[in-house]
Amino acid sequence: MKWSGIFAVVLILLLSVQTQAGQVQSSATSWQVVEAGLADLTVAFERSKPNYEQDPQQLYTALDQALLPYVDFRYISARVMGGRYFRAATPEQRSRFAEVFQVTLVRTFGQGLMNFDYREFDLRIIERPARFEDQDNVELEVVANDGQRYPLVFTLRRHNDEWKIINLIVNGVNLGLTFNSQFDRAMREHNRNFDRVIDGWSPEQALEEMQAQEDKT
């Protein structure tokens, strides 16, 4: 699987989930949060994709608004920075990276989805018992027409009586750890200059590096 389309594979699920969109209730289970989030994203994508060529920002804005109730972007961005860098950063730098991380991630989602043929795939659901009271995994599996399987694992965290997505593992690749390694490497390359790293942040960089490593094997 091409890592440049890794986010597109995730969004393939949006078009396979047969549920009605709507805001998830605070009493919802972790699986219901994922299901409702995918359903809302389906609506956002279907409404915006016809105008993508003329106004791509419309799609990015719609996806961002659909993701926000279900994804804890601020928590994820803090984990991507890592403990020592997060503690060393100023509150303004932490907030700015959270904003940049969210914008670039959503843009990558949108671009990947528009360039991927999702009609090749079907969706299978794998449910597991919760391991911890405040953290849970929701497992799904995308199956291609040729029979190849792509497992996905959403990690969710329960905070203030709500489940929110905090990580994703695609085909065995932990995106949270991958982005954390990218941030750490960028900080070392730029002499711990937070502002320079934040200004140059791009999710595509990590995906391209993973693709290059895969091509060598």
Protein backbone atom coordinates (compact mmCIF):
# COMPACT_ATOMS: atom_id res chain seq x y z
CA MET A 1 0.00 0.00 0.00
CA LYS A 2 1.32 3.46 -0.90
CA TRP A 3 1.89 5.54 2.21
CA SER A 4 1.01 8.69 0.24
CA GLY A 5 -2.55 7.34 0.26
CA ILE A 6 -2.58 6.13 3.86
CA PHE A 7 -5.09 8.74 5.01
CA ALA A 8 -7.25 8.02 1.99
CA VAL A 9 -7.59 4.40 3.12
CA VAL A 10 -8.88 5.65 6.47
CA LEU A 11 -11.45 7.84 4.80
CA ILE A 12 -12.60 4.96 2.60
CA LEU A 13 -14.41 3.85 5.74
CA LEU A 14 -16.57 6.93 5.63
CA LEU A 15 -18.27 5.76 2.49
CA SER A 16 -18.80 2.21 3.76
CA VAL A 17 -20.47 2.94 7.10
CA GLN A 18 -24.25 2.65 6.77
CA THR A 19 -25.36 4.85 9.67
CA GLN A 20 -27.15 8.16 9.99
CA ALA A 21 -24.97 11.18 10.73
CA GLY A 22 -25.46 13.09 13.95
CA GLN A 23 -23.74 14.32 17.08
CA VAL A 24 -22.73 11.53 19.42
CA GLN A 25 -24.11 11.62 22.96
CA SER A 26 -21.86 11.88 26.02
CA SER A 27 -22.98 8.39 27.10
CA ALA A 28 -21.86 6.82 23.82
CA THR A 29 -19.42 3.93 23.77
CA SER A 30 -16.05 4.16 22.04
CA TRP A 31 -17.37 2.23 19.06
CA GLN A 32 -20.41 4.52 18.74
CA VAL A 33 -18.09 7.55 18.69
CA VAL A 34 -16.08 6.10 15.80
CA GLU A 35 -19.26 5.09 13.97
CA ALA A 36 -20.89 8.51 14.39
CA GLY A 37 -17.69 10.30 13.39
CA LEU A 38 -17.38 8.26 10.20
CA ALA A 39 -21.03 8.92 9.37
CA ASP A 40 -20.64 12.69 9.83
CA LEU A 41 -17.52 12.67 7.68
CA THR A 42 -19.43 10.83 4.97
CA VAL A 43 -21.95 13.63 4.78
CA ALA A 44 -19.24 16.32 4.80
CA PHE A 45 -17.29 14.65 2.02
CA GLU A 46 -20.27 13.90 -0.24
CA ARG A 47 -21.53 17.48 0.01
CA SER A 48 -18.16 19.09 -0.70
CA LYS A 49 -16.41 16.86 -3.25
CA PRO A 50 -18.28 18.17 -6.35
CA ASN A 51 -16.76 21.62 -5.78
CA TYR A 52 -13.25 20.43 -4.89
CA GLU A 53 -11.55 21.55 -8.10
CA GLN A 54 -12.99 25.06 -7.86
CA ASP A 55 -12.79 25.46 -4.08
CA PRO A 56 -10.69 22.82 -2.23
CA GLN A 57 -10.86 24.84 0.98
CA GLN A 58 -14.58 24.12 1.18
CA LEU A 59 -13.82 20.41 1.52
CA TYR A 60 -11.06 20.98 4.10
CA THR A 61 -13.35 23.19 6.19
CA ALA A 62 -16.19 20.67 6.04
CA LEU A 63 -13.94 17.77 7.06
CA ASP A 64 -12.42 19.82 9.88
CA GLN A 65 -15.84 20.68 11.30
CA ALA A 66 -16.94 17.06 11.02
CA LEU A 67 -13.83 15.72 12.76
CA LEU A 68 -13.72 18.23 15.61
CA PRO A 69 -16.38 16.62 17.87
CA TYR A 70 -14.68 13.22 17.65
CA VAL A 71 -10.92 13.84 17.49
CA ASP A 72 -8.88 15.36 20.34
CA PHE A 73 -6.45 17.32 18.15
CA ARG A 74 -4.90 19.19 21.06
CA TYR A 75 -4.14 16.00 22.99
CA ILE A 76 -2.70 14.37 19.86
CA SER A 77 -0.50 17.35 19.07
CA ALA A 78 0.89 17.31 22.62
CA ARG A 79 1.83 13.63 22.22
CA VAL A 80 3.39 14.34 18.83
CA MET A 81 5.58 17.02 20.43
CA GLY A 82 6.56 14.59 23.18
CA GLY A 83 6.89 15.24 26.89
CA ARG A 84 10.20 17.08 26.99
CA TYR A 85 9.45 19.34 24.03
CA PHE A 86 5.92 20.01 25.21
CA ARG A 87 7.22 21.09 28.62
CA ALA A 88 9.92 23.26 27.04
CA ALA A 89 7.55 24.99 24.62
CA THR A 90 5.70 28.16 25.56
CA PRO A 91 1.89 28.05 25.86
CA GLU A 92 1.72 30.06 22.63
CA GLN A 93 3.93 27.56 20.80
CA ARG A 94 1.88 24.63 22.07
CA SER A 95 -1.34 26.25 20.86
CA ARG A 96 0.15 27.22 17.53
CA PHE A 97 1.44 23.72 16.86
CA ALA A 98 -1.96 22.26 17.75
CA GLU A 99 -3.57 24.56 15.19
CA VAL A 100 -0.96 23.83 12.49
CA PHE A 101 -1.16 20.10 13.17
CA GLN A 102 -4.94 20.09 12.81
CA VAL A 103 -4.95 22.15 9.59
CA THR A 104 -2.25 20.10 7.87
CA LEU A 105 -3.72 16.76 8.95
CA VAL A 106 -7.18 17.61 7.64
CA ARG A 107 -5.72 18.89 4.37
CA THR A 108 -3.80 15.62 3.92
CA PHE A 109 -6.98 13.65 4.62
CA GLY A 110 -8.90 15.60 2.02
CA GLN A 111 -6.24 15.40 -0.69
CA GLY A 112 -5.77 11.68 -0.14
CA LEU A 113 -9.46 10.93 -0.34
CA MET A 114 -9.95 12.89 -3.56
CA ASN A 115 -7.13 10.94 -5.22
CA PHE A 116 -8.17 7.43 -4.16
CA ASP A 117 -10.66 5.00 -5.70
CA TYR A 118 -12.63 3.93 -2.65
CA ARG A 119 -15.04 1.76 -4.65
CA GLU A 120 -12.53 -1.10 -4.50
CA PHE A 121 -13.10 -1.61 -0.78
CA ASP A 122 -15.53 -3.13 1.65
CA LEU A 123 -15.69 -2.71 5.43
CA ARG A 124 -15.50 -5.33 8.15
CA ILE A 125 -15.79 -4.54 11.84
CA ILE A 126 -13.79 -6.17 14.64
CA GLU A 127 -14.99 -5.49 18.20
CA ARG A 128 -12.83 -6.18 21.26
CA PRO A 129 -13.52 -5.80 25.01
CA ALA A 130 -12.18 -2.57 26.53
CA ARG A 131 -8.78 -2.98 28.21
CA PHE A 132 -8.91 0.15 30.39
CA GLU A 133 -11.69 2.30 31.79
CA ASP A 134 -10.37 5.51 30.22
CA GLN A 135 -8.82 4.13 27.01
CA ASP A 136 -10.07 1.76 24.35
CA ASN A 137 -9.27 0.50 20.85
CA VAL A 138 -11.78 0.14 18.04
CA GLU A 139 -10.56 -2.18 15.28
CA LEU A 140 -11.73 -2.17 11.69
CA GLU A 141 -10.58 -3.92 8.58
CA VAL A 142 -10.64 -2.70 4.99
CA VAL A 143 -10.73 -5.56 2.49
CA ALA A 144 -9.80 -4.97 -1.15
CA ASN A 145 -11.42 -6.79 -4.04
CA ASP A 146 -8.26 -8.85 -4.46
CA GLY A 147 -8.66 -10.10 -0.88
CA GLN A 148 -5.84 -8.05 0.65
CA ARG A 149 -6.69 -6.82 4.14
CA TYR A 150 -5.74 -3.50 5.72
CA PRO A 151 -6.29 -3.46 9.50
CA LEU A 152 -6.99 -0.14 11.20
CA VAL A 153 -7.05 0.50 14.95
CA PHE A 154 -8.53 3.69 16.42
CA THR A 155 -7.35 4.50 19.95
CA LEU A 156 -9.80 6.53 22.01
CA ARG A 157 -9.46 8.28 25.37
CA ARG A 158 -12.30 8.97 27.76
CA HIS A 159 -12.11 12.45 29.27
CA ASN A 160 -14.92 14.43 30.92
CA ASP A 161 -17.29 11.52 30.19
CA GLU A 162 -16.62 11.64 26.45
CA TRP A 163 -14.66 9.32 24.18
CA LYS A 164 -12.40 11.01 21.62
CA ILE A 165 -9.97 9.58 19.07
CA ILE A 166 -6.31 10.12 19.99
CA ASN A 167 -4.40 7.81 17.64
CA LEU A 168 -4.62 5.59 14.60
CA ILE A 169 -2.67 2.52 13.52
CA VAL A 170 -2.91 1.75 9.79
CA ASN A 171 -1.67 -1.61 8.52
CA GLY A 172 0.60 -1.89 11.56
CA VAL A 173 1.99 1.64 11.31
CA ASN A 174 1.38 3.79 14.40
CA LEU A 175 0.77 7.29 13.06
CA GLY A 176 1.16 8.93 16.47
CA LEU A 177 4.64 7.45 16.93
CA THR A 178 5.54 8.23 13.32
CA PHE A 179 4.66 11.92 13.70
CA ASN A 180 6.42 12.02 17.09
CA SER A 181 9.62 10.76 15.44
CA GLN A 182 9.22 13.37 12.71
CA PHE A 183 8.87 16.17 15.27
CA ASP A 184 11.87 14.97 17.28
CA ARG A 185 14.04 14.72 14.18
CA ALA A 186 12.99 18.18 13.00
CA MET A 187 13.81 19.67 16.40
CA ARG A 188 17.29 18.14 16.32
CA GLU A 189 17.91 19.26 12.74
CA HIS A 190 16.83 22.83 13.51
CA ASN A 191 18.65 23.24 16.85
CA ARG A 192 15.48 23.02 18.97
CA ASN A 193 13.94 26.01 17.19
CA PHE A 194 10.23 25.50 17.91
CA ASP A 195 9.01 28.26 15.62
CA ARG A 196 10.96 26.97 12.62
CA VAL A 197 9.73 23.41 13.15
CA ILE A 198 6.12 24.52 13.55
CA ASP A 199 6.26 26.75 10.47
CA GLY A 200 7.64 23.89 8.37
CA TRP A 201 5.41 21.11 9.69
CA SER A 202 3.94 18.80 7.03
CA PRO A 203 2.36 15.34 7.51
CA GLU A 204 3.31 14.43 3.94
CA GLN A 205 6.99 14.42 4.91
CA ALA A 206 6.58 11.45 7.26
CA LEU A 207 4.45 9.56 4.74
CA GLU A 208 6.97 10.11 1.94
CA GLU A 209 9.79 8.83 4.16
CA MET A 210 7.81 5.70 5.03
CA GLN A 211 7.14 5.12 1.34
CA ALA A 212 10.86 5.47 0.53
CA GLN A 213 11.75 2.93 3.22
CA GLU A 214 9.11 0.50 1.94
CA ASP A 215 10.40 0.83 -1.64
CA LYS A 216 13.89 -0.24 -0.48
CA THR A 217 12.63 -3.49 1.03
